[in-house]
N, C-alpha and C. Protein backbone atom coordinates (compact mmCIF):
# COMPACT_ATOMS: atom_id res chain seq x y z
N MET A 1 -10.39 -8.86 -13.25
CA MET A 1 -9.56 -7.67 -13.43
C MET A 1 -8.12 -8.11 -13.69
N LYS A 2 -7.51 -7.48 -14.64
CA LYS A 2 -6.13 -7.76 -15.02
C LYS A 2 -5.17 -7.31 -13.91
N SER A 3 -4.15 -8.13 -13.64
CA SER A 3 -3.16 -7.78 -12.62
C SER A 3 -1.94 -7.15 -13.26
N MET A 4 -1.17 -6.46 -12.41
CA MET A 4 0.08 -5.84 -12.85
C MET A 4 1.22 -6.45 -12.06
N ASN A 5 2.30 -6.82 -12.76
CA ASN A 5 3.49 -7.28 -12.06
C ASN A 5 4.41 -6.09 -11.82
N ARG A 6 5.54 -6.34 -11.19
CA ARG A 6 6.47 -5.27 -10.84
C ARG A 6 6.93 -4.49 -12.08
N THR A 7 7.27 -5.19 -13.13
CA THR A 7 7.76 -4.55 -14.36
C THR A 7 6.68 -3.65 -14.96
N THR A 8 5.46 -4.17 -15.04
CA THR A 8 4.34 -3.40 -15.59
C THR A 8 4.09 -2.15 -14.75
N LEU A 9 4.14 -2.30 -13.44
CA LEU A 9 3.88 -1.18 -12.54
C LEU A 9 4.97 -0.11 -12.65
N ILE A 10 6.21 -0.51 -12.68
CA ILE A 10 7.29 0.47 -12.79
C ILE A 10 7.24 1.17 -14.14
N ARG A 11 6.89 0.44 -15.19
CA ARG A 11 6.74 1.06 -16.51
C ARG A 11 5.61 2.10 -16.47
N ALA A 12 4.50 1.78 -15.82
CA ALA A 12 3.38 2.71 -15.72
C ALA A 12 3.76 3.94 -14.89
N LEU A 13 4.43 3.73 -13.76
CA LEU A 13 4.85 4.87 -12.94
C LEU A 13 5.86 5.74 -13.66
N SER A 14 6.75 5.11 -14.41
CA SER A 14 7.74 5.87 -15.19
C SER A 14 7.06 6.73 -16.24
N ARG A 15 6.06 6.16 -16.90
CA ARG A 15 5.32 6.95 -17.90
C ARG A 15 4.57 8.08 -17.23
N LEU A 16 4.02 7.83 -16.06
CA LEU A 16 3.34 8.89 -15.31
C LEU A 16 4.31 10.03 -15.01
N GLY A 17 5.54 9.70 -14.61
CA GLY A 17 6.56 10.71 -14.37
C GLY A 17 6.91 11.49 -15.63
N GLU A 18 7.03 10.79 -16.76
CA GLU A 18 7.30 11.46 -18.05
C GLU A 18 6.21 12.46 -18.37
N LEU A 19 4.97 12.03 -18.23
CA LEU A 19 3.85 12.92 -18.52
C LEU A 19 3.82 14.11 -17.58
N ALA A 20 4.18 13.89 -16.32
CA ALA A 20 4.23 14.99 -15.37
C ALA A 20 5.26 16.03 -15.83
N LEU A 21 6.43 15.57 -16.23
CA LEU A 21 7.46 16.49 -16.72
C LEU A 21 6.99 17.25 -17.95
N GLU A 22 6.36 16.53 -18.89
CA GLU A 22 5.83 17.17 -20.10
C GLU A 22 4.81 18.25 -19.77
N ASN A 23 4.08 18.06 -18.67
CA ASN A 23 3.03 19.00 -18.25
C ASN A 23 3.53 20.02 -17.23
N GLY A 24 4.85 20.00 -16.96
CA GLY A 24 5.43 20.97 -16.06
C GLY A 24 5.00 20.84 -14.61
N VAL A 25 4.74 19.61 -14.17
CA VAL A 25 4.31 19.38 -12.80
C VAL A 25 5.17 18.29 -12.17
N GLN A 26 5.45 18.43 -10.88
CA GLN A 26 6.14 17.39 -10.12
C GLN A 26 5.09 16.67 -9.29
N LEU A 27 4.96 15.36 -9.48
CA LEU A 27 3.96 14.58 -8.76
C LEU A 27 4.57 13.88 -7.56
N GLU A 28 3.74 13.72 -6.54
CA GLU A 28 4.09 12.91 -5.38
C GLU A 28 3.08 11.78 -5.31
N CYS A 29 3.58 10.59 -5.03
CA CYS A 29 2.73 9.41 -4.99
C CYS A 29 3.16 8.57 -3.79
N CYS A 30 2.33 8.50 -2.77
CA CYS A 30 2.59 7.67 -1.60
C CYS A 30 1.80 6.38 -1.78
N ILE A 31 2.50 5.27 -1.94
CA ILE A 31 1.90 3.99 -2.30
C ILE A 31 1.60 3.15 -1.06
N TYR A 32 0.42 2.52 -1.07
CA TYR A 32 -0.04 1.66 0.01
C TYR A 32 -0.45 0.31 -0.57
N GLY A 33 -0.89 -0.60 0.28
CA GLY A 33 -1.52 -1.84 -0.15
C GLY A 33 -0.61 -2.81 -0.89
N GLY A 34 -1.25 -3.58 -1.79
CA GLY A 34 -0.54 -4.62 -2.52
C GLY A 34 0.61 -4.12 -3.36
N ALA A 35 0.46 -2.95 -3.96
CA ALA A 35 1.55 -2.39 -4.76
C ALA A 35 2.76 -2.11 -3.89
N LEU A 36 2.53 -1.62 -2.68
CA LEU A 36 3.64 -1.39 -1.76
C LEU A 36 4.30 -2.71 -1.37
N MET A 37 3.50 -3.71 -1.06
CA MET A 37 4.06 -5.00 -0.67
C MET A 37 4.91 -5.57 -1.80
N MET A 38 4.53 -5.32 -3.04
CA MET A 38 5.29 -5.79 -4.19
C MET A 38 6.55 -4.96 -4.41
N LEU A 39 6.43 -3.63 -4.39
CA LEU A 39 7.57 -2.77 -4.71
C LEU A 39 8.60 -2.68 -3.59
N ALA A 40 8.15 -2.57 -2.36
CA ALA A 40 9.08 -2.34 -1.25
C ALA A 40 9.60 -3.63 -0.63
N TYR A 41 8.79 -4.68 -0.64
CA TYR A 41 9.15 -5.89 0.09
C TYR A 41 9.27 -7.14 -0.76
N ASP A 42 8.94 -7.06 -2.04
CA ASP A 42 8.95 -8.24 -2.92
C ASP A 42 8.15 -9.39 -2.32
N SER A 43 7.06 -9.07 -1.62
CA SER A 43 6.28 -10.13 -0.98
C SER A 43 5.06 -10.54 -1.81
N ARG A 44 4.89 -9.92 -2.96
CA ARG A 44 3.81 -10.28 -3.89
C ARG A 44 4.36 -10.25 -5.30
N LEU A 45 3.75 -11.05 -6.16
CA LEU A 45 4.15 -11.06 -7.57
C LEU A 45 3.34 -10.10 -8.40
N SER A 46 2.14 -9.75 -7.92
CA SER A 46 1.29 -8.86 -8.71
C SER A 46 0.32 -8.12 -7.81
N THR A 47 -0.32 -7.12 -8.41
CA THR A 47 -1.36 -6.35 -7.73
C THR A 47 -2.40 -5.95 -8.76
N LYS A 48 -3.62 -5.76 -8.31
CA LYS A 48 -4.70 -5.37 -9.22
C LYS A 48 -4.75 -3.86 -9.43
N ASP A 49 -4.24 -3.11 -8.43
CA ASP A 49 -4.27 -1.65 -8.53
C ASP A 49 -3.22 -1.05 -7.62
N VAL A 50 -3.12 0.26 -7.68
CA VAL A 50 -2.19 0.99 -6.82
C VAL A 50 -3.01 1.94 -5.96
N ASP A 51 -3.04 1.64 -4.66
CA ASP A 51 -3.68 2.53 -3.70
C ASP A 51 -2.65 3.57 -3.32
N ALA A 52 -2.98 4.84 -3.51
CA ALA A 52 -1.97 5.88 -3.30
C ALA A 52 -2.61 7.19 -2.89
N VAL A 53 -1.81 8.00 -2.22
CA VAL A 53 -2.17 9.39 -1.98
C VAL A 53 -1.37 10.18 -3.00
N LEU A 54 -2.06 11.00 -3.77
CA LEU A 54 -1.46 11.68 -4.92
C LEU A 54 -1.48 13.19 -4.73
N ARG A 55 -0.38 13.81 -5.09
CA ARG A 55 -0.29 15.28 -5.02
C ARG A 55 0.46 15.79 -6.23
N PRO A 56 -0.01 16.80 -6.90
CA PRO A 56 -1.37 17.32 -6.84
C PRO A 56 -2.35 16.29 -7.41
N ARG A 57 -3.41 16.10 -6.70
CA ARG A 57 -4.36 15.02 -6.95
C ARG A 57 -4.96 15.05 -8.36
N GLU A 58 -5.52 16.18 -8.74
CA GLU A 58 -6.21 16.26 -10.03
C GLU A 58 -5.26 16.00 -11.20
N ASP A 59 -4.08 16.58 -11.15
CA ASP A 59 -3.08 16.34 -12.21
C ASP A 59 -2.71 14.87 -12.27
N ALA A 60 -2.45 14.27 -11.11
CA ALA A 60 -2.03 12.87 -11.07
C ALA A 60 -3.11 11.95 -11.63
N LEU A 61 -4.35 12.15 -11.23
CA LEU A 61 -5.43 11.29 -11.71
C LEU A 61 -5.68 11.48 -13.21
N ARG A 62 -5.57 12.70 -13.68
CA ARG A 62 -5.75 12.97 -15.12
C ARG A 62 -4.65 12.27 -15.93
N LEU A 63 -3.42 12.40 -15.49
CA LEU A 63 -2.31 11.78 -16.21
C LEU A 63 -2.35 10.25 -16.08
N ALA A 64 -2.81 9.75 -14.94
CA ALA A 64 -2.93 8.30 -14.75
C ALA A 64 -3.94 7.71 -15.73
N LYS A 65 -5.01 8.45 -16.04
CA LYS A 65 -5.99 7.98 -17.02
C LYS A 65 -5.34 7.82 -18.40
N ARG A 66 -4.45 8.74 -18.72
CA ARG A 66 -3.75 8.65 -20.01
C ARG A 66 -2.84 7.42 -20.03
N VAL A 67 -2.11 7.18 -18.94
CA VAL A 67 -1.25 6.00 -18.84
C VAL A 67 -2.10 4.74 -18.95
N GLU A 68 -3.25 4.76 -18.31
CA GLU A 68 -4.18 3.62 -18.34
C GLU A 68 -4.56 3.27 -19.78
N ARG A 69 -4.90 4.30 -20.56
CA ARG A 69 -5.28 4.08 -21.97
C ARG A 69 -4.08 3.62 -22.79
N GLU A 70 -2.95 4.30 -22.65
CA GLU A 70 -1.76 3.98 -23.44
C GLU A 70 -1.25 2.56 -23.19
N GLN A 71 -1.26 2.15 -21.94
CA GLN A 71 -0.66 0.86 -21.59
C GLN A 71 -1.69 -0.23 -21.32
N GLN A 72 -2.94 0.07 -21.61
CA GLN A 72 -4.04 -0.88 -21.44
C GLN A 72 -4.02 -1.50 -20.04
N LEU A 73 -3.98 -0.63 -19.05
CA LEU A 73 -3.97 -1.04 -17.65
C LEU A 73 -5.39 -1.19 -17.14
N PRO A 74 -5.56 -1.88 -16.01
CA PRO A 74 -6.90 -1.99 -15.43
C PRO A 74 -7.47 -0.60 -15.13
N GLU A 75 -8.79 -0.49 -15.25
CA GLU A 75 -9.44 0.78 -14.96
C GLU A 75 -9.14 1.20 -13.52
N ASN A 76 -8.84 2.47 -13.35
CA ASN A 76 -8.47 3.01 -12.03
C ASN A 76 -7.27 2.29 -11.43
N TRP A 77 -6.30 1.95 -12.27
CA TRP A 77 -5.09 1.26 -11.80
C TRP A 77 -4.40 2.07 -10.71
N LEU A 78 -4.52 3.38 -10.78
CA LEU A 78 -3.98 4.28 -9.76
C LEU A 78 -5.15 5.03 -9.16
N ASN A 79 -5.42 4.80 -7.88
CA ASN A 79 -6.57 5.43 -7.25
C ASN A 79 -6.18 5.94 -5.87
N ASP A 80 -6.98 6.84 -5.34
CA ASP A 80 -6.68 7.43 -4.04
C ASP A 80 -7.74 7.14 -2.99
N GLN A 81 -8.41 6.01 -3.13
CA GLN A 81 -9.45 5.64 -2.17
C GLN A 81 -8.87 5.34 -0.78
N VAL A 82 -7.58 5.08 -0.70
CA VAL A 82 -6.92 4.79 0.58
C VAL A 82 -6.95 6.00 1.52
N ARG A 83 -7.20 7.19 0.96
CA ARG A 83 -7.22 8.42 1.77
C ARG A 83 -8.10 8.31 3.02
N MET A 84 -9.21 7.58 2.90
CA MET A 84 -10.14 7.51 4.03
C MET A 84 -9.61 6.64 5.17
N PHE A 85 -8.50 5.93 4.96
CA PHE A 85 -7.95 5.05 5.99
C PHE A 85 -6.65 5.59 6.59
N LEU A 86 -6.25 6.80 6.20
CA LEU A 86 -4.99 7.34 6.68
C LEU A 86 -5.07 7.69 8.17
N ALA A 87 -3.94 7.55 8.81
CA ALA A 87 -3.85 7.86 10.24
C ALA A 87 -3.69 9.36 10.43
N PRO A 88 -4.09 9.86 11.60
CA PRO A 88 -3.89 11.28 11.90
C PRO A 88 -2.41 11.67 11.87
N THR A 89 -1.56 10.71 12.25
CA THR A 89 -0.12 10.91 12.21
C THR A 89 0.46 9.83 11.31
N GLU A 90 1.18 10.24 10.29
CA GLU A 90 1.76 9.27 9.36
C GLU A 90 3.27 9.18 9.58
N ASN A 91 3.83 8.07 9.12
CA ASN A 91 5.27 7.89 9.13
C ASN A 91 5.64 7.31 7.78
N LEU A 92 6.26 8.14 6.94
CA LEU A 92 6.53 7.76 5.56
C LEU A 92 8.03 7.70 5.30
N ARG A 93 8.36 7.00 4.22
CA ARG A 93 9.75 6.94 3.75
C ARG A 93 9.75 6.97 2.24
N GLU A 94 10.86 7.40 1.68
CA GLU A 94 10.97 7.44 0.23
C GLU A 94 11.36 6.05 -0.28
N LEU A 95 10.74 5.61 -1.35
CA LEU A 95 11.11 4.34 -1.97
C LEU A 95 12.27 4.60 -2.93
N PRO A 96 13.18 3.65 -3.04
CA PRO A 96 14.35 3.85 -3.91
C PRO A 96 14.02 3.63 -5.39
N LEU A 97 13.12 4.43 -5.91
CA LEU A 97 12.77 4.38 -7.33
C LEU A 97 13.15 5.71 -7.95
N GLU A 98 14.01 5.68 -8.92
CA GLU A 98 14.44 6.90 -9.61
C GLU A 98 13.49 7.14 -10.79
N ILE A 99 12.48 7.96 -10.58
CA ILE A 99 11.50 8.25 -11.62
C ILE A 99 11.39 9.77 -11.76
N PRO A 100 12.04 10.34 -12.76
CA PRO A 100 11.92 11.79 -12.96
C PRO A 100 10.46 12.21 -13.08
N GLY A 101 10.11 13.29 -12.40
CA GLY A 101 8.74 13.81 -12.43
C GLY A 101 7.83 13.20 -11.38
N LEU A 102 8.32 12.18 -10.68
CA LEU A 102 7.47 11.47 -9.71
C LEU A 102 8.29 11.07 -8.49
N GLN A 103 7.92 11.62 -7.34
CA GLN A 103 8.52 11.20 -6.08
C GLN A 103 7.63 10.13 -5.48
N VAL A 104 8.19 8.96 -5.18
CA VAL A 104 7.42 7.84 -4.67
C VAL A 104 7.80 7.58 -3.22
N THR A 105 6.79 7.65 -2.34
CA THR A 105 6.98 7.36 -0.92
C THR A 105 6.05 6.25 -0.50
N ALA A 106 6.24 5.80 0.75
CA ALA A 106 5.43 4.71 1.28
C ALA A 106 5.39 4.81 2.79
N PRO A 107 4.36 4.20 3.40
CA PRO A 107 4.34 4.15 4.86
C PRO A 107 5.44 3.23 5.36
N THR A 108 5.93 3.49 6.57
CA THR A 108 6.88 2.59 7.19
C THR A 108 6.18 1.27 7.51
N ALA A 109 6.97 0.25 7.82
CA ALA A 109 6.40 -1.06 8.14
C ALA A 109 5.45 -0.98 9.34
N GLY A 110 5.82 -0.20 10.36
CA GLY A 110 4.97 -0.07 11.54
C GLY A 110 3.63 0.57 11.23
N TYR A 111 3.65 1.60 10.41
CA TYR A 111 2.42 2.28 10.02
C TYR A 111 1.55 1.33 9.18
N LEU A 112 2.18 0.62 8.24
CA LEU A 112 1.44 -0.31 7.41
C LEU A 112 0.85 -1.44 8.26
N LEU A 113 1.61 -1.95 9.23
CA LEU A 113 1.09 -2.98 10.12
C LEU A 113 -0.16 -2.49 10.85
N ALA A 114 -0.11 -1.27 11.36
CA ALA A 114 -1.27 -0.71 12.05
C ALA A 114 -2.48 -0.63 11.12
N MET A 115 -2.29 -0.15 9.90
CA MET A 115 -3.40 -0.05 8.93
C MET A 115 -3.99 -1.41 8.63
N LYS A 116 -3.11 -2.37 8.33
CA LYS A 116 -3.58 -3.70 7.94
C LYS A 116 -4.23 -4.43 9.11
N ALA A 117 -3.70 -4.24 10.31
CA ALA A 117 -4.29 -4.90 11.48
C ALA A 117 -5.69 -4.36 11.76
N LEU A 118 -5.88 -3.07 11.60
CA LEU A 118 -7.21 -2.50 11.80
C LEU A 118 -8.20 -2.99 10.74
N ALA A 119 -7.73 -3.18 9.52
CA ALA A 119 -8.61 -3.69 8.46
C ALA A 119 -8.82 -5.19 8.63
N CYS A 120 -7.72 -5.93 8.73
CA CYS A 120 -7.73 -7.37 9.00
C CYS A 120 -8.76 -8.11 8.13
N ARG A 121 -8.75 -7.82 6.83
CA ARG A 121 -9.74 -8.40 5.92
C ARG A 121 -9.29 -9.78 5.45
N ASN A 122 -10.23 -10.71 5.43
CA ASN A 122 -9.97 -12.05 4.92
C ASN A 122 -9.99 -12.03 3.40
N ALA A 123 -9.36 -13.02 2.80
CA ALA A 123 -9.37 -13.15 1.35
C ALA A 123 -10.78 -13.51 0.88
N LEU A 124 -11.12 -13.02 -0.30
CA LEU A 124 -12.39 -13.32 -0.95
C LEU A 124 -12.08 -13.68 -2.40
N PRO A 125 -13.02 -14.27 -3.12
CA PRO A 125 -12.76 -14.54 -4.53
C PRO A 125 -12.38 -13.24 -5.27
N GLY A 126 -11.21 -13.24 -5.87
CA GLY A 126 -10.75 -12.07 -6.59
C GLY A 126 -10.12 -10.99 -5.72
N TYR A 127 -9.99 -11.25 -4.42
CA TYR A 127 -9.40 -10.27 -3.51
C TYR A 127 -8.52 -10.99 -2.50
N GLN A 128 -7.27 -10.58 -2.40
CA GLN A 128 -6.31 -11.28 -1.57
C GLN A 128 -6.49 -11.04 -0.08
N GLY A 129 -7.09 -9.94 0.30
CA GLY A 129 -7.25 -9.63 1.72
C GLY A 129 -5.94 -9.16 2.34
N ASP A 130 -5.90 -9.10 3.66
CA ASP A 130 -4.74 -8.57 4.38
C ASP A 130 -3.90 -9.62 5.09
N LEU A 131 -4.37 -10.85 5.17
CA LEU A 131 -3.73 -11.84 6.03
C LEU A 131 -2.31 -12.19 5.60
N ASP A 132 -2.07 -12.38 4.30
CA ASP A 132 -0.70 -12.67 3.85
C ASP A 132 0.23 -11.50 4.15
N ASP A 133 -0.26 -10.29 3.93
CA ASP A 133 0.55 -9.10 4.22
C ASP A 133 0.84 -9.00 5.72
N LEU A 134 -0.16 -9.31 6.53
CA LEU A 134 0.04 -9.30 7.99
C LEU A 134 1.07 -10.35 8.41
N ARG A 135 0.98 -11.54 7.84
CA ARG A 135 1.99 -12.58 8.14
C ARG A 135 3.38 -12.06 7.81
N PHE A 136 3.51 -11.47 6.65
CA PHE A 136 4.82 -10.95 6.22
C PHE A 136 5.32 -9.89 7.20
N LEU A 137 4.48 -8.95 7.56
CA LEU A 137 4.89 -7.86 8.46
C LEU A 137 5.18 -8.37 9.87
N ILE A 138 4.41 -9.32 10.35
CA ILE A 138 4.68 -9.93 11.66
C ILE A 138 6.07 -10.55 11.67
N ARG A 139 6.39 -11.27 10.61
CA ARG A 139 7.71 -11.90 10.51
C ARG A 139 8.81 -10.84 10.38
N LYS A 140 8.62 -9.89 9.50
CA LYS A 140 9.62 -8.86 9.26
C LYS A 140 9.92 -8.05 10.51
N MET A 141 8.88 -7.74 11.26
CA MET A 141 9.03 -6.88 12.44
C MET A 141 9.21 -7.69 13.73
N THR A 142 9.30 -9.01 13.60
CA THR A 142 9.42 -9.94 14.74
C THR A 142 8.39 -9.66 15.84
N ILE A 143 7.16 -9.50 15.42
CA ILE A 143 6.05 -9.29 16.34
C ILE A 143 5.72 -10.62 17.02
N ARG A 144 5.63 -10.59 18.36
CA ARG A 144 5.37 -11.81 19.12
C ARG A 144 4.04 -11.80 19.87
N SER A 145 3.36 -10.65 19.88
CA SER A 145 2.08 -10.60 20.61
C SER A 145 1.13 -9.59 19.97
N VAL A 146 -0.14 -9.81 20.23
CA VAL A 146 -1.16 -8.88 19.75
C VAL A 146 -0.98 -7.52 20.42
N ASN A 147 -0.51 -7.51 21.65
CA ASN A 147 -0.27 -6.23 22.33
C ASN A 147 0.78 -5.39 21.60
N GLU A 148 1.78 -6.03 21.01
CA GLU A 148 2.77 -5.28 20.22
C GLU A 148 2.10 -4.62 19.02
N ILE A 149 1.18 -5.34 18.40
CA ILE A 149 0.45 -4.77 17.27
C ILE A 149 -0.40 -3.61 17.75
N GLN A 150 -1.08 -3.78 18.89
CA GLN A 150 -1.89 -2.69 19.43
C GLN A 150 -1.03 -1.48 19.74
N ASP A 151 0.22 -1.69 20.17
CA ASP A 151 1.14 -0.56 20.42
C ASP A 151 1.38 0.23 19.13
N TRP A 152 1.53 -0.47 18.01
CA TRP A 152 1.70 0.22 16.72
C TRP A 152 0.42 0.95 16.33
N ILE A 153 -0.72 0.33 16.57
CA ILE A 153 -1.99 0.99 16.28
C ILE A 153 -2.11 2.25 17.12
N ASP A 154 -1.78 2.15 18.40
CA ASP A 154 -1.87 3.32 19.30
C ASP A 154 -1.00 4.47 18.82
N LYS A 155 0.14 4.13 18.23
CA LYS A 155 1.07 5.16 17.75
C LYS A 155 0.46 5.97 16.61
N PHE A 156 -0.27 5.30 15.72
CA PHE A 156 -0.78 5.98 14.53
C PHE A 156 -2.29 6.25 14.57
N TYR A 157 -3.02 5.40 15.25
CA TYR A 157 -4.48 5.53 15.36
C TYR A 157 -4.86 5.49 16.84
N PRO A 158 -4.54 6.53 17.59
CA PRO A 158 -4.69 6.49 19.05
C PRO A 158 -6.13 6.27 19.53
N ASP A 159 -7.11 6.48 18.70
CA ASP A 159 -8.50 6.31 19.11
C ASP A 159 -9.08 4.96 18.71
N ASP A 160 -8.26 4.09 18.09
CA ASP A 160 -8.77 2.81 17.60
C ASP A 160 -8.22 1.64 18.40
N VAL A 161 -9.09 0.66 18.62
CA VAL A 161 -8.73 -0.58 19.30
C VAL A 161 -9.24 -1.72 18.43
N ILE A 162 -8.43 -2.75 18.29
CA ILE A 162 -8.87 -3.89 17.48
C ILE A 162 -9.99 -4.64 18.19
N SER A 163 -10.87 -5.19 17.38
CA SER A 163 -12.02 -5.93 17.92
C SER A 163 -11.57 -7.30 18.42
N ALA A 164 -12.47 -7.98 19.11
CA ALA A 164 -12.18 -9.34 19.60
C ALA A 164 -11.89 -10.27 18.42
N ARG A 165 -12.65 -10.13 17.34
CA ARG A 165 -12.42 -10.97 16.15
C ARG A 165 -11.05 -10.70 15.55
N GLN A 166 -10.69 -9.42 15.42
CA GLN A 166 -9.38 -9.07 14.88
C GLN A 166 -8.27 -9.57 15.80
N ARG A 167 -8.47 -9.41 17.10
CA ARG A 167 -7.47 -9.86 18.08
C ARG A 167 -7.21 -11.37 17.92
N GLU A 168 -8.28 -12.14 17.77
CA GLU A 168 -8.12 -13.59 17.61
C GLU A 168 -7.43 -13.92 16.29
N THR A 169 -7.82 -13.25 15.22
CA THR A 169 -7.17 -13.48 13.92
C THR A 169 -5.68 -13.17 14.01
N LEU A 170 -5.34 -12.06 14.62
CA LEU A 170 -3.92 -11.67 14.76
C LEU A 170 -3.17 -12.64 15.65
N ARG A 171 -3.79 -13.11 16.72
CA ARG A 171 -3.16 -14.10 17.60
C ARG A 171 -2.83 -15.37 16.83
N LEU A 172 -3.79 -15.82 16.01
CA LEU A 172 -3.57 -17.02 15.20
C LEU A 172 -2.47 -16.81 14.15
N LEU A 173 -2.44 -15.63 13.54
CA LEU A 173 -1.39 -15.34 12.57
C LEU A 173 -0.01 -15.34 13.21
N ILE A 174 0.10 -14.74 14.39
CA ILE A 174 1.39 -14.71 15.11
C ILE A 174 1.83 -16.13 15.44
N ALA A 175 0.91 -16.93 15.93
CA ALA A 175 1.23 -18.33 16.27
C ALA A 175 1.68 -19.09 15.02
N GLU A 176 0.99 -18.86 13.91
CA GLU A 176 1.33 -19.52 12.65
C GLU A 176 2.72 -19.13 12.18
N VAL A 177 3.04 -17.85 12.27
CA VAL A 177 4.35 -17.35 11.81
C VAL A 177 5.49 -17.95 12.63
N TRP A 178 5.29 -18.09 13.94
CA TRP A 178 6.40 -18.48 14.82
C TRP A 178 6.39 -19.95 15.24
N THR A 179 5.56 -20.78 14.57
CA THR A 179 5.61 -22.21 14.87
C THR A 179 6.09 -22.99 13.68
């Protein structure tokens, strides 16, 4: 699958905003995952897709298909599959992107840490996983213990507890970051 760098992604989002204006709609796009790590934190050089919550959903997905064709982007470059992982309580912020027709938001670092810690996916061929993002967030937020991560999880996902395997992975990541 073809990857998108920051320039490609901003060009695609800008075109999405243009199309929204042409169609008389204001879109909202809350970005998660690798695209967020690239746009908000400059911690990645590329992403394969944009995981986002889109409003209004049908308009956004329809216009995204047009951008996909026009700019020869990966299929489903903008998708909303992340919806199934959202917390009952979210904490969002606006990203400093001036895109007419498109308001771009993102989860706060604490919310993203909770999401990524619960997933705690290892890298696979063709998939980066969550570990590099977790390392980055642990460093950024000066996390020193797994209990601190569980505190963030409790804030957003009060019914979830990390497994023994996830706890050990997170403990090793924290040790790696601070040694």
